[in-house]
Amino acid sequence: MGEDDETHPSEMRLYKNSPYMSFDDTERPPDQEFKLNRDTTGDLVYPVKVARFSSVNHLSIHISKNFGGSISKIYYIGLRGEWTEARRHEVTICTYEAAANPADHKIDLFTPQTQFIS
């Protein structure tokens, strides 16, 4: 939502899961881009592509253009979605073998015993 003049944003680019993003990183293609209409009341909704934004931990918004002004003025950005608690998966140290070496996996399944049945 912005002013009804040339400072209103006309293009918005979304980048997901790039927490240390800088303006140099906006050269790469965005995850989604919107051409914005003037909206002084905040009534317009711009739906995102669900497949691309189903698991977002960080959202970067780049206002790349406006309607001709030297600056862009934004008064409100509303976000919709469901909040879920972030799950951190700790580093797991694993050793993978291309082929098992039986000498590394000694298991005493059979204990040598002599039993007499009478």
PDB file of N, CA and C in Angstrom:
ATOM      1  N   MET A   1       0.849  -1.153   0.000  1.00  0.00           N
ATOM      2  CA  MET A   1       0.000   0.000   0.000  1.00  0.00           C
ATOM      3  C   MET A   1       0.903   1.227   0.000  1.00  0.00           C
ATOM      4  N   GLY A   2       0.582   2.179  -0.836  1.00  0.00           N
ATOM      5  CA  GLY A   2       1.398   3.387  -0.928  1.00  0.00           C
ATOM      6  C   GLY A   2       0.563   4.587  -1.328  1.00  0.00           C
ATOM      7  N   GLU A   3       1.238   5.665  -1.624  1.00  0.00           N
ATOM      8  CA  GLU A   3       0.589   6.908  -2.042  1.00  0.00           C
ATOM      9  C   GLU A   3      -0.020   6.750  -3.431  1.00  0.00           C
ATOM     10  N   ASP A   4      -0.945   7.631  -3.761  1.00  0.00           N
ATOM     11  CA  ASP A   4      -1.542   7.630  -5.099  1.00  0.00           C
ATOM     12  C   ASP A   4      -0.774   8.611  -5.980  1.00  0.00           C
ATOM     13  N   ASP A   5       0.531   8.428  -6.055  1.00  0.00           N
ATOM     14  CA  ASP A   5       1.377   9.264  -6.897  1.00  0.00           C
ATOM     15  C   ASP A   5       2.506   8.418  -7.465  1.00  0.00           C
ATOM     16  N   GLU A   6       3.548   9.066  -7.992  1.00  0.00           N
ATOM     17  CA  GLU A   6       4.632   8.330  -8.645  1.00  0.00           C
ATOM     18  C   GLU A   6       5.535   7.586  -7.670  1.00  0.00           C
ATOM     19  N   THR A   7       5.396   7.798  -6.367  1.00  0.00           N
ATOM     20  CA  THR A   7       6.233   7.093  -5.389  1.00  0.00           C
ATOM     21  C   THR A   7       5.677   5.712  -5.046  1.00  0.00           C
ATOM     22  N   HIS A   8       4.501   5.385  -5.533  1.00  0.00           N
ATOM     23  CA  HIS A   8       3.896   4.067  -5.263  1.00  0.00           C
ATOM     24  C   HIS A   8       4.695   2.992  -5.994  1.00  0.00           C
ATOM     25  N   PRO A   9       5.036   1.887  -5.333  1.00  0.00           N
ATOM     26  CA  PRO A   9       5.784   0.805  -5.996  1.00  0.00           C
ATOM     27  C   PRO A   9       4.998   0.218  -7.176  1.00  0.00           C
ATOM     28  N   SER A  10       5.726  -0.108  -8.241  1.00  0.00           N
ATOM     29  CA  SER A  10       5.074  -0.720  -9.406  1.00  0.00           C
ATOM     30  C   SER A  10       5.566  -2.143  -9.663  1.00  0.00           C
ATOM     31  N   GLU A  11       6.643  -2.537  -9.004  1.00  0.00           N
ATOM     32  CA  GLU A  11       7.162  -3.890  -9.185  1.00  0.00           C
ATOM     33  C   GLU A  11       7.773  -4.385  -7.871  1.00  0.00           C
ATOM     34  N   MET A  12       7.440  -5.626  -7.530  1.00  0.00           N
ATOM     35  CA  MET A  12       7.945  -6.236  -6.306  1.00  0.00           C
ATOM     36  C   MET A  12       8.492  -7.616  -6.654  1.00  0.00           C
ATOM     37  N   ARG A  13       9.642  -7.935  -6.077  1.00  0.00           N
ATOM     38  CA  ARG A  13      10.274  -9.227  -6.317  1.00  0.00           C
ATOM     39  C   ARG A  13      10.451  -9.929  -4.982  1.00  0.00           C
ATOM     40  N   LEU A  14      10.129 -11.219  -4.942  1.00  0.00           N
ATOM     41  CA  LEU A  14      10.220 -12.004  -3.719  1.00  0.00           C
ATOM     42  C   LEU A  14      11.336 -13.041  -3.837  1.00  0.00           C
ATOM     43  N   TYR A  15      12.113 -13.145  -2.778  1.00  0.00           N
ATOM     44  CA  TYR A  15      13.183 -14.132  -2.681  1.00  0.00           C
ATOM     45  C   TYR A  15      12.980 -14.883  -1.370  1.00  0.00           C
ATOM     46  N   LYS A  16      12.929 -16.191  -1.444  1.00  0.00           N
ATOM     47  CA  LYS A  16      12.709 -16.966  -0.217  1.00  0.00           C
ATOM     48  C   LYS A  16      13.999 -17.627   0.256  1.00  0.00           C
ATOM     49  N   ASN A  17      14.106 -17.753   1.580  1.00  0.00           N
ATOM     50  CA  ASN A  17      15.183 -18.483   2.254  1.00  0.00           C
ATOM     51  C   ASN A  17      16.582 -18.011   1.863  1.00  0.00           C
ATOM     52  N   SER A  18      16.770 -16.687   1.808  1.00  0.00           N
ATOM     53  CA  SER A  18      18.095 -16.083   1.584  1.00  0.00           C
ATOM     54  C   SER A  18      18.334 -15.058   2.689  1.00  0.00           C
ATOM     55  N   PRO A  19      18.683 -15.503   3.897  1.00  0.00           N
ATOM     56  CA  PRO A  19      18.738 -14.579   5.028  1.00  0.00           C
ATOM     57  C   PRO A  19      19.827 -13.509   4.952  1.00  0.00           C
ATOM     58  N   TYR A  20      20.895 -13.733   4.239  1.00  0.00           N
ATOM     59  CA  TYR A  20      21.978 -12.759   4.184  1.00  0.00           C
ATOM     60  C   TYR A  20      22.033 -12.079   2.827  1.00  0.00           C
ATOM     61  N   MET A  21      20.890 -11.776   2.285  1.00  0.00           N
ATOM     62  CA  MET A  21      20.791 -11.206   0.946  1.00  0.00           C
ATOM     63  C   MET A  21      21.174  -9.725   0.958  1.00  0.00           C
ATOM     64  N   SER A  22      21.863  -9.284  -0.102  1.00  0.00           N
ATOM     65  CA  SER A  22      22.204  -7.874  -0.279  1.00  0.00           C
ATOM     66  C   SER A  22      21.607  -7.404  -1.607  1.00  0.00           C
ATOM     67  N   PHE A  23      21.761  -6.117  -1.899  1.00  0.00           N
ATOM     68  CA  PHE A  23      21.235  -5.606  -3.161  1.00  0.00           C
ATOM     69  C   PHE A  23      21.955  -6.220  -4.359  1.00  0.00           C
ATOM     70  N   ASP A  24      23.176  -6.669  -4.196  1.00  0.00           N
ATOM     71  CA  ASP A  24      23.882  -7.354  -5.289  1.00  0.00           C
ATOM     72  C   ASP A  24      23.193  -8.673  -5.642  1.00  0.00           C
ATOM     73  N   ASP A  25      22.567  -9.302  -4.654  1.00  0.00           N
ATOM     74  CA  ASP A  25      21.900 -10.583  -4.887  1.00  0.00           C
ATOM     75  C   ASP A  25      20.588 -10.444  -5.648  1.00  0.00           C
ATOM     76  N   THR A  26      20.090  -9.229  -5.817  1.00  0.00           N
ATOM     77  CA  THR A  26      18.831  -9.044  -6.555  1.00  0.00           C
ATOM     78  C   THR A  26      19.025  -9.198  -8.064  1.00  0.00           C
ATOM     79  N   GLU A  27      20.257  -9.390  -8.496  1.00  0.00           N
ATOM     80  CA  GLU A  27      20.520  -9.636  -9.915  1.00  0.00           C
ATOM     81  C   GLU A  27      20.070 -11.031 -10.334  1.00  0.00           C
ATOM     82  N   ARG A  28      20.002 -11.946  -9.381  1.00  0.00           N
ATOM     83  CA  ARG A  28      19.548 -13.301  -9.722  1.00  0.00           C
ATOM     84  C   ARG A  28      18.031 -13.299  -9.887  1.00  0.00           C
ATOM     85  N   PRO A  29      17.500 -14.268 -10.611  1.00  0.00           N
ATOM     86  CA  PRO A  29      16.041 -14.302 -10.812  1.00  0.00           C
ATOM     87  C   PRO A  29      15.299 -14.490  -9.487  1.00  0.00           C
ATOM     88  N   PRO A  30      14.200 -13.767  -9.293  1.00  0.00           N
ATOM     89  CA  PRO A  30      13.436 -13.921  -8.055  1.00  0.00           C
ATOM     90  C   PRO A  30      12.618 -15.209  -8.070  1.00  0.00           C
ATOM     91  N   ASP A  31      12.156 -15.609  -6.898  1.00  0.00           N
ATOM     92  CA  ASP A  31      11.258 -16.758  -6.823  1.00  0.00           C
ATOM     93  C   ASP A  31       9.885 -16.403  -7.381  1.00  0.00           C
ATOM     94  N   GLN A  32       9.500 -15.143  -7.252  1.00  0.00           N
ATOM     95  CA  GLN A  32       8.270 -14.654  -7.884  1.00  0.00           C
ATOM     96  C   GLN A  32       8.354 -13.144  -8.001  1.00  0.00           C
ATOM     97  N   GLU A  33       7.750 -12.636  -9.054  1.00  0.00           N
ATOM     98  CA  GLU A  33       7.770 -11.202  -9.343  1.00  0.00           C
ATOM     99  C   GLU A  33       6.343 -10.737  -9.603  1.00  0.00           C
ATOM    100  N   PHE A  34       6.008  -9.548  -9.125  1.00  0.00           N
ATOM    101  CA  PHE A  34       4.672  -8.995  -9.302  1.00  0.00           C
ATOM    102  C   PHE A  34       4.745  -7.622  -9.941  1.00  0.00           C
ATOM    103  N   LYS A  35       3.850  -7.355 -10.873  1.00  0.00           N
ATOM    104  CA  LYS A  35       3.588  -6.008 -11.370  1.00  0.00           C
ATOM    105  C   LYS A  35       2.467  -5.477 -10.493  1.00  0.00           C
ATOM    106  N   LEU A  36       2.722  -4.386  -9.786  1.00  0.00           N
ATOM    107  CA  LEU A  36       1.771  -3.877  -8.819  1.00  0.00           C
ATOM    108  C   LEU A  36       0.891  -2.783  -9.419  1.00  0.00           C
ATOM    109  N   ASN A  37      -0.344  -2.722  -8.944  1.00  0.00           N
ATOM    110  CA  ASN A  37      -1.261  -1.634  -9.274  1.00  0.00           C
ATOM    111  C   ASN A  37      -1.281  -0.659  -8.109  1.00  0.00           C
ATOM    112  N   ARG A  38      -1.679   0.561  -8.380  1.00  0.00           N
ATOM    113  CA  ARG A  38      -1.792   1.530  -7.288  1.00  0.00           C
ATOM    114  C   ARG A  38      -2.877   1.076  -6.332  1.00  0.00           C
ATOM    115  N   ASP A  39      -2.547   1.092  -5.052  1.00  0.00           N
ATOM    116  CA  ASP A  39      -3.471   0.605  -4.031  1.00  0.00           C
ATOM    117  C   ASP A  39      -3.297   1.480  -2.788  1.00  0.00           C
ATOM    118  N   THR A  40      -4.202   2.399  -2.584  1.00  0.00           N
ATOM    119  CA  THR A  40      -4.101   3.291  -1.429  1.00  0.00           C
ATOM    120  C   THR A  40      -4.880   2.769  -0.228  1.00  0.00           C
ATOM    121  N   THR A  41      -5.707   1.751  -0.425  1.00  0.00           N
ATOM    122  CA  THR A  41      -6.540   1.239   0.662  1.00  0.00           C
ATOM    123  C   THR A  41      -6.089  -0.129   1.178  1.00  0.00           C
ATOM    124  N   GLY A  42      -5.184  -0.799   0.495  1.00  0.00           N
ATOM    125  CA  GLY A  42      -4.704  -2.106   0.924  1.00  0.00           C
ATOM    126  C   GLY A  42      -5.671  -3.231   0.610  1.00  0.00           C
ATOM    127  N   ASP A  43      -6.491  -3.060  -0.422  1.00  0.00           N
ATOM    128  CA  ASP A  43      -7.488  -4.071  -0.783  1.00  0.00           C
ATOM    129  C   ASP A  43      -6.964  -5.125  -1.744  1.00  0.00           C
ATOM    130  N   LEU A  44      -5.927  -4.823  -2.502  1.00  0.00           N
ATOM    131  CA  LEU A  44      -5.438  -5.763  -3.513  1.00  0.00           C
ATOM    132  C   LEU A  44      -4.645  -6.894  -2.871  1.00  0.00           C
ATOM    133  N   VAL A  45      -4.843  -8.101  -3.404  1.00  0.00           N
ATOM    134  CA  VAL A  45      -4.136  -9.286  -2.930  1.00  0.00           C
ATOM    135  C   VAL A  45      -3.378  -9.866  -4.116  1.00  0.00           C
ATOM    136  N   TYR A  46      -2.122 -10.176  -3.902  1.00  0.00           N
ATOM    137  CA  TYR A  46      -1.281 -10.787  -4.929  1.00  0.00           C
ATOM    138  C   TYR A  46      -0.925 -12.192  -4.466  1.00  0.00           C
ATOM    139  N   PRO A  47      -1.569 -13.217  -5.031  1.00  0.00           N
ATOM    140  CA  PRO A  47      -1.302 -14.590  -4.567  1.00  0.00           C
ATOM    141  C   PRO A  47       0.063 -15.083  -5.064  1.00  0.00           C
ATOM    142  N   VAL A  48       0.750 -15.789  -4.181  1.00  0.00           N
ATOM    143  CA  VAL A  48       2.048 -16.366  -4.542  1.00  0.00           C
ATOM    144  C   VAL A  48       1.843 -17.777  -5.077  1.00  0.00           C
ATOM    145  N   LYS A  49       2.865 -18.291  -5.736  1.00  0.00           N
ATOM    146  CA  LYS A  49       2.842 -19.666  -6.231  1.00  0.00           C
ATOM    147  C   LYS A  49       3.033 -20.602  -5.034  1.00  0.00           C
ATOM    148  N   VAL A  50       2.029 -21.385  -4.745  1.00  0.00           N
ATOM    149  CA  VAL A  50       2.035 -22.227  -3.545  1.00  0.00           C
ATOM    150  C   VAL A  50       3.188 -23.216  -3.574  1.00  0.00           C
ATOM    151  N   ALA A  51       3.487 -23.765  -4.726  1.00  0.00           N
ATOM    152  CA  ALA A  51       4.556 -24.766  -4.808  1.00  0.00           C
ATOM    153  C   ALA A  51       5.915 -24.174  -4.430  1.00  0.00           C
ATOM    154  N   ARG A  52       6.138 -22.913  -4.734  1.00  0.00           N
ATOM    155  CA  ARG A  52       7.428 -22.294  -4.422  1.00  0.00           C
ATOM    156  C   ARG A  52       7.502 -21.753  -3.000  1.00  0.00           C
ATOM    157  N   PHE A  53       6.371 -21.428  -2.410  1.00  0.00           N
ATOM    158  CA  PHE A  53       6.383 -20.784  -1.103  1.00  0.00           C
ATOM    159  C   PHE A  53       5.720 -21.641  -0.037  1.00  0.00           C
ATOM    160  N   SER A  54       5.831 -22.962  -0.140  1.00  0.00           N
ATOM    161  CA  SER A  54       5.200 -23.845   0.840  1.00  0.00           C
ATOM    162  C   SER A  54       6.021 -23.966   2.119  1.00  0.00           C
ATOM    163  N   SER A  55       7.314 -23.738   2.060  1.00  0.00           N
ATOM    164  CA  SER A  55       8.149 -23.804   3.273  1.00  0.00           C
ATOM    165  C   SER A  55       9.150 -22.657   3.232  1.00  0.00           C
ATOM    166  N   VAL A  56       8.768 -21.544   3.830  1.00  0.00           N
ATOM    167  CA  VAL A  56       9.591 -20.339   3.828  1.00  0.00           C
ATOM    168  C   VAL A  56      10.071 -20.057   5.249  1.00  0.00           C
ATOM    169  N   ASN A  57      11.378 -19.940   5.413  1.00  0.00           N
ATOM    170  CA  ASN A  57      11.958 -19.560   6.696  1.00  0.00           C
ATOM    171  C   ASN A  57      12.332 -18.087   6.725  1.00  0.00           C
ATOM    172  N   HIS A  58      12.605 -17.523   5.556  1.00  0.00           N
ATOM    173  CA  HIS A  58      13.023 -16.128   5.453  1.00  0.00           C
ATOM    174  C   HIS A  58      12.501 -15.582   4.132  1.00  0.00           C
ATOM    175  N   LEU A  59      11.947 -14.377   4.157  1.00  0.00           N
ATOM    176  CA  LEU A  59      11.404 -13.763   2.949  1.00  0.00           C
ATOM    177  C   LEU A  59      12.049 -12.405   2.748  1.00  0.00           C
ATOM    178  N   SER A  60      12.652 -12.206   1.573  1.00  0.00           N
ATOM    179  CA  SER A  60      13.226 -10.912   1.202  1.00  0.00           C
ATOM    180  C   SER A  60      12.339 -10.292   0.134  1.00  0.00           C
ATOM    181  N   ILE A  61      11.964  -9.044   0.345  1.00  0.00           N
ATOM    182  CA  ILE A  61      11.106  -8.314  -0.597  1.00  0.00           C
ATOM    183  C   ILE A  61      11.934  -7.197  -1.206  1.00  0.00           C
ATOM    184  N   HIS A  62      12.019  -7.186  -2.527  1.00  0.00           N
ATOM    185  CA  HIS A  62      12.769  -6.153  -3.237  1.00  0.00           C
ATOM    186  C   HIS A  62      11.771  -5.335  -4.055  1.00  0.00           C
ATOM    187  N   ILE A  63      11.658  -4.064  -3.739  1.00  0.00           N
ATOM    188  CA  ILE A  63      10.820  -3.140  -4.522  1.00  0.00           C
ATOM    189  C   ILE A  63      11.741  -2.581  -5.596  1.00  0.00           C
ATOM    190  N   SER A  64      11.586  -3.085  -6.816  1.00  0.00           N
ATOM    191  CA  SER A  64      12.545  -2.758  -7.868  1.00  0.00           C
ATOM    192  C   SER A  64      12.165  -1.545  -8.703  1.00  0.00           C
ATOM    193  N   LYS A  65      10.882  -1.185  -8.738  1.00  0.00           N
ATOM    194  CA  LYS A  65      10.447  -0.041  -9.552  1.00  0.00           C
ATOM    195  C   LYS A  65       9.281   0.656  -8.874  1.00  0.00           C
ATOM    196  N   ASN A  66       9.088   1.915  -9.254  1.00  0.00           N
ATOM    197  CA  ASN A  66       7.885   2.625  -8.859  1.00  0.00           C
ATOM    198  C   ASN A  66       7.300   3.292 -10.098  1.00  0.00           C
ATOM    199  N   PHE A  67       6.309   4.146  -9.923  1.00  0.00           N
ATOM    200  CA  PHE A  67       5.637   4.764 -11.065  1.00  0.00           C
ATOM    201  C   PHE A  67       6.320   6.046 -11.530  1.00  0.00           C
ATOM    202  N   GLY A  68       7.639   6.153 -11.365  1.00  0.00           N
ATOM    203  CA  GLY A  68       8.399   7.278 -11.909  1.00  0.00           C
ATOM    204  C   GLY A  68       9.011   8.197 -10.877  1.00  0.00           C
ATOM    205  N   GLY A  69       8.814   7.954  -9.614  1.00  0.00           N
ATOM    206  CA  GLY A  69       9.380   8.822  -8.586  1.00  0.00           C
ATOM    207  C   GLY A  69      10.839   8.505  -8.306  1.00  0.00           C
ATOM    208  N   SER A  70      11.517   9.435  -7.626  1.00  0.00           N
ATOM    209  CA  SER A  70      12.921   9.212  -7.280  1.00  0.00           C
ATOM    210  C   SER A  70      13.057   8.324  -6.045  1.00  0.00           C
ATOM    211  N   ILE A  71      11.983   8.222  -5.237  1.00  0.00           N
ATOM    212  CA  ILE A  71      11.955   7.330  -4.085  1.00  0.00           C
ATOM    213  C   ILE A  71      10.660   6.536  -4.128  1.00  0.00           C
ATOM    214  N   SER A  72      10.605   5.460  -3.358  1.00  0.00           N
ATOM    215  CA  SER A  72       9.382   4.661  -3.227  1.00  0.00           C
ATOM    216  C   SER A  72       8.882   4.793  -1.800  1.00  0.00           C
ATOM    217  N   LYS A  73       7.569   4.956  -1.657  1.00  0.00           N
ATOM    218  CA  LYS A  73       6.956   5.036  -0.330  1.00  0.00           C
ATOM    219  C   LYS A  73       6.015   3.854  -0.168  1.00  0.00           C
ATOM    220  N   ILE A  74       6.207   3.142   0.938  1.00  0.00           N
ATOM    221  CA  ILE A  74       5.366   1.988   1.257  1.00  0.00           C
ATOM    222  C   ILE A  74       4.830   2.204   2.666  1.00  0.00           C
ATOM    223  N   TYR A  75       3.527   2.086   2.812  1.00  0.00           N
ATOM    224  CA  TYR A  75       2.915   2.284   4.120  1.00  0.00           C
ATOM    225  C   TYR A  75       2.529   0.974   4.788  1.00  0.00           C
ATOM    226  N   TYR A  76       2.294  -0.069   4.003  1.00  0.00           N
ATOM    227  CA  TYR A  76       1.824  -1.310   4.604  1.00  0.00           C
ATOM    228  C   TYR A  76       2.103  -2.473   3.662  1.00  0.00           C
ATOM    229  N   ILE A  77       2.583  -3.577   4.213  1.00  0.00           N
ATOM    230  CA  ILE A  77       2.714  -4.837   3.482  1.00  0.00           C
ATOM    231  C   ILE A  77       2.075  -5.900   4.362  1.00  0.00           C
ATOM    232  N   GLY A  78       1.037  -6.537   3.863  1.00  0.00           N
ATOM    233  CA  GLY A  78       0.359  -7.604   4.608  1.00  0.00           C
ATOM    234  C   GLY A  78       0.775  -8.961   4.076  1.00  0.00           C
ATOM    235  N   LEU A  79       0.993  -9.899   4.973  1.00  0.00           N
ATOM    236  CA  LEU A  79       1.373 -11.258   4.584  1.00  0.00           C
ATOM    237  C   LEU A  79       0.317 -12.227   5.091  1.00  0.00           C
ATOM    238  N   ARG A  80       0.008 -13.210   4.265  1.00  0.00           N
ATOM    239  CA  ARG A  80      -0.939 -14.258   4.652  1.00  0.00           C
ATOM    240  C   ARG A  80      -0.223 -15.585   4.662  1.00  0.00           C
ATOM    241  N   GLY A  81      -0.720 -16.482   5.490  1.00  0.00           N
ATOM    242  CA  GLY A  81      -0.139 -17.819   5.531  1.00  0.00           C
ATOM    243  C   GLY A  81      -0.319 -18.424   6.895  1.00  0.00           C
ATOM    244  N   GLU A  82       0.215 -19.618   7.033  1.00  0.00           N
ATOM    245  CA  GLU A  82       0.142 -20.330   8.297  1.00  0.00           C
ATOM    246  C   GLU A  82       1.522 -20.382   8.917  1.00  0.00           C
ATOM    247  N   TRP A  83       1.579 -20.060  10.183  1.00  0.00           N
ATOM    248  CA  TRP A  83       2.835 -20.102  10.913  1.00  0.00           C
ATOM    249  C   TRP A  83       3.064 -21.523  11.411  1.00  0.00           C
ATOM    250  N   THR A  84       4.262 -21.999  11.222  1.00  0.00           N
ATOM    251  CA  THR A  84       4.655 -23.287  11.788  1.00  0.00           C
ATOM    252  C   THR A  84       5.993 -23.090  12.485  1.00  0.00           C
ATOM    253  N   GLU A  85       6.183 -23.818  13.550  1.00  0.00           N
ATOM    254  CA  GLU A  85       7.416 -23.705  14.308  1.00  0.00           C
ATOM    255  C   GLU A  85       8.583 -24.251  13.494  1.00  0.00           C
ATOM    256  N   ALA A  86       9.661 -23.523  13.485  1.00  0.00           N
ATOM    257  CA  ALA A  86      10.847 -23.957  12.740  1.00  0.00           C
ATOM    258  C   ALA A  86      11.476 -25.147  13.436  1.00  0.00           C
ATOM    259  N   ARG A  87      11.863 -26.117  12.647  1.00  0.00           N
ATOM    260  CA  ARG A  87      12.528 -27.307  13.182  1.00  0.00           C
ATOM    261  C   ARG A  87      13.961 -27.300  12.699  1.00  0.00           C
ATOM    262  N   ARG A  88      14.868 -27.356  13.636  1.00  0.00           N
ATOM    263  CA  ARG A  88      16.281 -27.389  13.287  1.00  0.00           C
ATOM    264  C   ARG A  88      16.761 -28.819  13.311  1.00  0.00           C
ATOM    265  N   HIS A  89      17.342 -29.250  12.237  1.00  0.00           N
ATOM    266  CA  HIS A  89      17.907 -30.592  12.160  1.00  0.00           C
ATOM    267  C   HIS A  89      19.405 -30.459  12.379  1.00  0.00           C
ATOM    268  N   GLU A  90      19.864 -31.031  13.440  1.00  0.00           N
ATOM    269  CA  GLU A  90      21.282 -30.961  13.758  1.00  0.00           C
ATOM    270  C   GLU A  90      22.087 -31.816  12.785  1.00  0.00           C
ATOM    271  N   VAL A  91      23.356 -31.544  12.715  1.00  0.00           N
ATOM    272  CA  VAL A  91      24.250 -32.273  11.823  1.00  0.00           C
ATOM    273  C   VAL A  91      24.382 -33.705  12.325  1.00  0.00           C
ATOM    274  N   THR A  92      24.228 -34.627  11.413  1.00  0.00           N
ATOM    275  CA  THR A  92      24.379 -36.042  11.730  1.00  0.00           C
ATOM    276  C   THR A  92      25.651 -36.548  11.077  1.00  0.00           C
ATOM    277  N   ILE A  93      26.489 -37.179  11.864  1.00  0.00           N
ATOM    278  CA  ILE A  93      27.729 -37.728  11.319  1.00  0.00           C
ATOM    279  C   ILE A  93      27.476 -39.188  10.982  1.00  0.00           C
ATOM    280  N   CYS A  94      27.617 -39.513   9.712  1.00  0.00           N
ATOM    281  CA  CYS A  94      27.364 -40.878   9.237  1.00  0.00           C
ATOM    282  C   CYS A  94      28.571 -41.380   8.467  1.00  0.00           C
ATOM    283  N   THR A  95      28.770 -42.675   8.538  1.00  0.00           N
ATOM    284  CA  THR A  95      29.795 -43.328   7.732  1.00  0.00           C
ATOM    285  C   THR A  95      29.089 -44.290   6.796  1.00  0.00           C
ATOM    286  N   TYR A  96      29.304 -44.077   5.514  1.00  0.00           N
ATOM    287  CA  TYR A  96      28.668 -44.921   4.512  1.00  0.00           C
ATOM    288  C   TYR A  96      29.712 -45.854   3.913  1.00  0.00           C
ATOM    289  N   GLU A  97      29.302 -47.085   3.660  1.00  0.00           N
ATOM    290  CA  GLU A  97      30.198 -48.056   3.065  1.00  0.00           C
ATOM    291  C   GLU A  97      29.688 -48.428   1.682  1.00  0.00           C
ATOM    292  N   ALA A  98      30.581 -48.413   0.707  1.00  0.00           N
ATOM    293  CA  ALA A  98      30.197 -48.831  -0.636  1.00  0.00           C
ATOM    294  C   ALA A  98      29.942 -50.334  -0.664  1.00  0.00           C
ATOM    295  N   ALA A  99      30.760 -51.073   0.061  1.00  0.00           N
ATOM    296  CA  ALA A  99      30.576 -52.520   0.196  1.00  0.00           C
ATOM    297  C   ALA A  99      30.937 -52.894   1.627  1.00  0.00           C
ATOM    298  N   ALA A 100      30.107 -53.688   2.246  1.00  0.00           N
ATOM    299  CA  ALA A 100      30.347 -54.073   3.634  1.00  0.00           C
ATOM    300  C   ALA A 100      31.572 -54.959   3.753  1.00  0.00           C
ATOM    301  N   ASN A 101      32.364 -54.713   4.770  1.00  0.00           N
ATOM    302  CA  ASN A 101      33.526 -55.535   5.063  1.00  0.00           C
ATOM    303  C   ASN A 101      33.153 -56.399   6.265  1.00  0.00           C
ATOM    304  N   PRO A 102      33.005 -57.703   6.090  1.00  0.00           N
ATOM    305  CA  PRO A 102      32.586 -58.573   7.201  1.00  0.00           C
ATOM    306  C   PRO A 102      33.509 -58.510   8.406  1.00  0.00           C
ATOM    307  N   ALA A 103      34.782 -58.201   8.212  1.00  0.00           N
ATOM    308  CA  ALA A 103      35.709 -58.124   9.334  1.00  0.00           C
ATOM    309  C   ALA A 103      35.372 -56.955  10.261  1.00  0.00           C
ATOM    310  N   ASP A 104      34.695 -55.929   9.727  1.00  0.00           N
ATOM    311  CA  ASP A 104      34.312 -54.779  10.550  1.00  0.00           C
ATOM    312  C   ASP A 104      33.055 -55.039  11.366  1.00  0.00           C
ATOM    313  N   HIS A 105      32.337 -56.081  11.044  1.00  0.00           N
ATOM    314  CA  HIS A 105      31.031 -56.320  11.666  1.00  0.00           C
ATOM    315  C   HIS A 105      30.986 -57.703  12.311  1.00  0.00           C
ATOM    316  N   LYS A 106      31.857 -57.915  13.264  1.00  0.00           N
ATOM    317  CA  LYS A 106      31.881 -59.217  13.927  1.00  0.00           C
ATOM    318  C   LYS A 106      30.737 -59.288  14.929  1.00  0.00           C
ATOM    319  N   ILE A 107      29.907 -60.269  14.748  1.00  0.00           N
ATOM    320  CA  ILE A 107      28.784 -60.494  15.649  1.00  0.00           C
ATOM    321  C   ILE A 107      28.816 -61.960  16.058  1.00  0.00           C
ATOM    322  N   ASP A 108      28.782 -62.190  17.339  1.00  0.00           N
ATOM    323  CA  ASP A 108      28.785 -63.560  17.851  1.00  0.00           C
ATOM    324  C   ASP A 108      27.344 -64.012  18.031  1.00  0.00           C
ATOM    325  N   LEU A 109      26.733 -64.406  16.941  1.00  0.00           N
ATOM    326  CA  LEU A 109      25.368 -64.896  17.015  1.00  0.00           C
ATOM    327  C   LEU A 109      25.318 -66.324  17.530  1.00  0.00           C
ATOM    328  N   PHE A 110      26.329 -67.093  17.161  1.00  0.00           N
ATOM    329  CA  PHE A 110      26.359 -68.487  17.540  1.00  0.00           C
ATOM    330  C   PHE A 110      27.490 -68.696  18.534  1.00  0.00           C
ATOM    331  N   THR A 111      27.129 -69.118  19.710  1.00  0.00           N
ATOM    332  CA  THR A 111      28.150 -69.454  20.698  1.00  0.00           C
ATOM    333  C   THR A 111      28.377 -70.955  20.630  1.00  0.00           C
ATOM    334  N   PRO A 112      29.610 -71.358  20.474  1.00  0.00           N
ATOM    335  CA  PRO A 112      29.869 -72.788  20.366  1.00  0.00           C
ATOM    336  C   PRO A 112      29.585 -73.494  21.685  1.00  0.00           C
ATOM    337  N   GLN A 113      28.588 -74.337  21.664  1.00  0.00           N
ATOM    338  CA  GLN A 113      28.222 -75.128  22.853  1.00  0.00           C
ATOM    339  C   GLN A 113      27.921 -76.542  22.405  1.00  0.00           C
ATOM    340  N   THR A 114      28.231 -77.425  23.263  1.00  0.00           N
ATOM    341  CA  THR A 114      27.914 -78.815  22.992  1.00  0.00           C
ATOM    342  C   THR A 114      26.786 -79.204  23.910  1.00  0.00           C
ATOM    343  N   GLN A 115      25.705 -79.658  23.310  1.00  0.00           N
ATOM    344  CA  GLN A 115      24.559 -80.092  24.083  1.00  0.00           C
ATOM    345  C   GLN A 115      24.212 -81.517  23.683  1.00  0.00           C
ATOM    346  N   PHE A 116      24.003 -82.322  24.681  1.00  0.00           N
ATOM    347  CA  PHE A 116      23.640 -83.726  24.418  1.00  0.00           C
ATOM    348  C   PHE A 116      22.160 -83.888  24.686  1.00  0.00           C
ATOM    349  N   ILE A 117      21.531 -84.557  23.790  1.00  0.00           N
ATOM    350  CA  ILE A 117      20.121 -84.860  23.959  1.00  0.00           C
ATOM    351  C   ILE A 117      20.035 -86.344  24.304  1.00  0.00           C
ATOM    352  N   SER A 118      19.372 -86.698  25.400  1.00  0.00           N
ATOM    353  CA  SER A 118      19.282 -88.100  25.765  1.00  0.00           C
ATOM    354  C   SER A 118      17.856 -88.590  25.675  1.00  0.00           C
TER     355      SER A 118
END
